[in-house]
Amino acid sequence: MDDQNPPNKGAAPSDDYEVGYARPPKHSRFKPGQSGCPQGRRKGSLNWKTLVERKLTEKVSRSKGGKPCKMTKCEALVQTLIDKAIDGEARAVAALFNLADRVGLVDNSEADSESRQFIRVSDAFIECIDTALLSPLEQAELAGLAHIIDRGDFTALDTSQFERLKVLIAKGHAGTVN
């Protein structure tokens, strides 16, 4: 065989071809369907992104207003989050506002702060609290906790801070009538 004119890469090697660079011996070649990385992801298995995407787009049956309706699991999760936020669950409210911010429904620019589509999360808490029922120290504490929430960092509240927030809200609600 001529060293200057190697055979075409696409051509099947014959039994008497020269073993060398890019020309493995016949016994050590990959068999058809065999991977070069046997510890790698198996053929046909899904990566995480595809798996999560498929599962979130599956249809489920859920009752809406007493009537069964079909929706994707993602839609059902968002609907559940909205329902819990409407029921007044503080974590659901914060998660909903965080989600709205992430998908671009909240305008975060300082210059356009007066024309925001949504109010700050702390406004939702403080609006329905009678601050006259709280001491000045408690009002400052509530404002500090609300500031943490407004930064979109509601999960930064540890258990004791969250419990304290619930106590302050309950105390501020003591004088209000529903």
Protein backbone atom coordinates (compact mmCIF):
# COMPACT_ATOMS: atom_id res chain seq x y z
CA MET A 1 0.00 0.00 0.00
CA ASP A 2 1.23 3.52 -0.78
CA ASP A 3 2.07 5.54 2.41
CA GLN A 4 1.35 8.86 0.71
CA ASN A 5 -2.11 7.85 -0.46
CA PRO A 6 -3.97 6.30 2.50
CA PRO A 7 -7.28 4.58 1.76
CA ASN A 8 -10.52 6.58 2.06
CA LYS A 9 -11.78 6.87 5.62
CA GLY A 10 -15.25 5.76 4.58
CA ALA A 11 -13.98 2.66 2.79
CA ALA A 12 -14.14 -0.65 4.65
CA PRO A 13 -10.65 -1.88 5.55
CA SER A 14 -9.64 -5.15 3.96
CA ASP A 15 -8.06 -8.04 5.85
CA ASP A 16 -4.59 -7.15 4.65
CA TYR A 17 -4.58 -3.43 5.42
CA GLU A 18 -1.77 -1.78 7.38
CA VAL A 19 -2.41 -1.34 11.13
CA GLY A 20 -1.38 2.08 12.41
CA TYR A 21 -2.69 5.54 13.32
CA ALA A 22 -6.52 5.59 12.87
CA ARG A 23 -6.32 1.98 11.61
CA PRO A 24 -7.03 -0.36 14.55
CA PRO A 25 -6.65 -4.12 14.29
CA LYS A 26 -9.83 -5.89 13.28
CA HIS A 27 -10.22 -7.70 16.65
CA SER A 28 -10.20 -4.45 18.68
CA ARG A 29 -12.57 -2.36 16.58
CA PHE A 30 -15.89 -1.22 18.03
CA LYS A 31 -18.70 -3.58 17.16
CA PRO A 32 -21.78 -2.05 15.48
CA GLY A 33 -23.86 -0.26 18.14
CA GLN A 34 -21.04 -0.33 20.70
CA SER A 35 -20.15 2.98 22.36
CA GLY A 36 -16.64 4.34 22.82
CA CYS A 37 -17.68 5.30 26.36
CA PRO A 38 -19.47 2.30 27.88
CA GLN A 39 -19.99 4.08 31.22
CA GLY A 40 -21.79 6.97 29.50
CA ARG A 41 -25.49 7.64 29.20
CA ARG A 42 -27.32 4.67 27.69
CA LYS A 43 -28.85 5.04 24.27
CA GLY A 44 -32.49 6.07 24.54
CA SER A 45 -32.22 7.35 28.12
CA LEU A 46 -33.26 10.95 28.73
CA ASN A 47 -31.22 13.79 30.11
CA TRP A 48 -32.67 15.72 33.08
CA LYS A 49 -33.94 18.67 31.07
CA THR A 50 -35.86 16.45 28.64
CA LEU A 51 -37.21 14.29 31.46
CA VAL A 52 -38.50 17.26 33.48
CA GLU A 53 -39.93 18.88 30.35
CA ARG A 54 -41.81 15.71 29.38
CA LYS A 55 -43.20 15.19 32.89
CA LEU A 56 -44.35 18.82 33.22
CA THR A 57 -46.16 18.70 29.88
CA GLU A 58 -48.08 15.50 30.67
CA LYS A 59 -51.83 16.01 30.98
CA VAL A 60 -53.67 15.41 34.25
CA SER A 61 -57.30 15.66 35.19
CA ARG A 62 -58.09 18.25 37.84
CA SER A 63 -61.34 19.75 39.01
CA LYS A 64 -61.71 23.45 38.35
CA GLY A 65 -64.80 25.03 39.81
CA GLY A 66 -66.27 21.62 40.53
CA LYS A 67 -65.88 20.49 36.91
CA PRO A 68 -63.13 18.13 35.77
CA CYS A 69 -60.76 19.57 33.20
CA LYS A 70 -57.53 18.42 31.56
CA MET A 71 -54.41 20.53 31.98
CA THR A 72 -50.66 20.01 31.99
CA LYS A 73 -48.92 19.24 35.25
CA CYS A 74 -47.15 22.59 34.97
CA GLU A 75 -50.48 24.42 34.67
CA ALA A 76 -51.80 22.44 37.65
CA LEU A 77 -48.78 23.43 39.74
CA VAL A 78 -49.16 27.10 38.89
CA GLN A 79 -52.91 26.92 39.59
CA THR A 80 -52.23 25.30 42.98
CA LEU A 81 -49.69 28.01 43.80
CA ILE A 82 -52.18 30.73 42.88
CA ASP A 83 -54.96 29.05 44.92
CA LYS A 84 -52.72 28.85 47.99
CA ALA A 85 -51.62 32.48 47.56
CA ILE A 86 -55.26 33.58 47.34
CA ASP A 87 -55.97 31.62 50.54
CA GLY A 88 -53.32 33.77 52.23
CA GLU A 89 -50.38 31.40 52.57
CA ALA A 90 -47.39 33.72 52.91
CA ARG A 91 -44.88 31.36 51.30
CA ALA A 92 -47.18 30.84 48.31
CA VAL A 93 -47.57 34.61 47.89
CA ALA A 94 -43.80 35.09 47.93
CA ALA A 95 -43.23 32.15 45.57
CA LEU A 96 -45.87 33.50 43.18
CA PHE A 97 -44.30 36.96 43.10
CA ASN A 98 -40.87 35.40 42.68
CA LEU A 99 -42.18 33.32 39.76
CA ALA A 100 -43.86 36.36 38.20
CA ASP A 101 -40.57 38.25 38.47
CA ARG A 102 -38.59 35.41 36.88
CA VAL A 103 -40.90 35.13 33.88
CA GLY A 104 -40.80 38.89 33.33
CA LEU A 105 -44.21 39.96 34.61
CA VAL A 106 -42.68 42.34 37.15
CA ASP A 107 -40.79 45.40 36.00
CA ASN A 108 -37.77 45.83 38.30
CA SER A 109 -36.34 49.05 36.86
CA GLU A 110 -35.99 51.85 39.42
CA ALA A 111 -36.97 54.54 36.90
CA ASP A 112 -40.29 52.84 36.20
CA SER A 113 -41.11 51.85 39.79
CA GLU A 114 -44.36 53.87 39.86
CA SER A 115 -45.85 52.00 36.91
CA ARG A 116 -45.19 48.49 38.24
CA GLN A 117 -47.81 45.90 37.41
CA PHE A 118 -47.50 44.26 40.84
CA ILE A 119 -47.15 45.67 44.33
CA ARG A 120 -44.21 44.72 46.52
CA VAL A 121 -44.70 41.54 48.52
CA SER A 122 -44.34 43.44 51.81
CA ASP A 123 -47.19 45.75 50.80
CA ALA A 124 -49.49 42.72 50.69
CA PHE A 125 -48.54 41.89 54.27
CA ILE A 126 -48.47 45.39 55.73
CA GLU A 127 -51.60 46.62 53.93
CA CYS A 128 -53.82 44.27 55.91
CA ILE A 129 -52.07 44.86 59.25
CA ASP A 130 -53.08 47.52 61.75
CA THR A 131 -49.61 48.85 62.59
CA ALA A 132 -51.08 50.82 65.53
CA LEU A 133 -51.37 47.46 67.30
CA LEU A 134 -47.60 46.96 67.02
CA SER A 135 -44.94 48.69 69.08
CA PRO A 136 -42.37 50.84 67.24
CA LEU A 137 -39.81 48.08 67.76
CA GLU A 138 -42.18 45.50 66.27
CA GLN A 139 -42.95 47.83 63.35
CA ALA A 140 -39.20 48.14 62.64
CA GLU A 141 -38.81 44.37 62.92
CA LEU A 142 -41.70 43.85 60.48
CA ALA A 143 -40.17 46.36 58.07
CA GLY A 144 -36.83 44.51 58.22
CA LEU A 145 -38.48 41.17 57.48
CA ALA A 146 -40.50 42.75 54.67
CA HIS A 147 -37.28 44.14 53.17
CA ILE A 148 -35.80 40.63 53.02
CA ILE A 149 -38.94 39.44 51.24
CA ASP A 150 -38.92 42.37 48.78
CA ARG A 151 -35.40 41.49 47.69
CA GLY A 152 -36.95 38.30 46.33
CA ASP A 153 -35.12 36.37 48.99
CA PHE A 154 -38.08 34.99 50.93
CA THR A 155 -36.31 31.68 51.36
CA ALA A 156 -33.54 33.52 53.24
CA LEU A 157 -35.89 33.78 56.22
CA ASP A 158 -34.94 31.10 58.69
CA THR A 159 -37.58 29.26 60.70
CA SER A 160 -37.43 31.64 63.67
CA GLN A 161 -37.77 34.72 61.42
CA PHE A 162 -40.70 33.15 59.59
CA GLU A 163 -42.39 32.28 62.89
CA ARG A 164 -41.76 35.83 64.14
CA LEU A 165 -43.31 37.21 60.94
CA LYS A 166 -46.41 35.09 61.52
CA VAL A 167 -46.64 36.37 65.12
CA LEU A 168 -46.36 40.01 64.01
CA ILE A 169 -48.98 39.51 61.30
CA ALA A 170 -51.32 37.79 63.76
CA LYS A 171 -50.82 40.59 66.29
CA GLY A 172 -51.52 43.20 63.61
CA HIS A 173 -54.66 41.34 62.61
CA ALA A 174 -55.98 41.09 66.18
CA GLY A 175 -57.89 44.36 65.91
CA THR A 176 -59.06 43.99 62.32
CA VAL A 177 -62.39 42.53 61.30
CA ASN A 178 -62.62 40.27 58.22
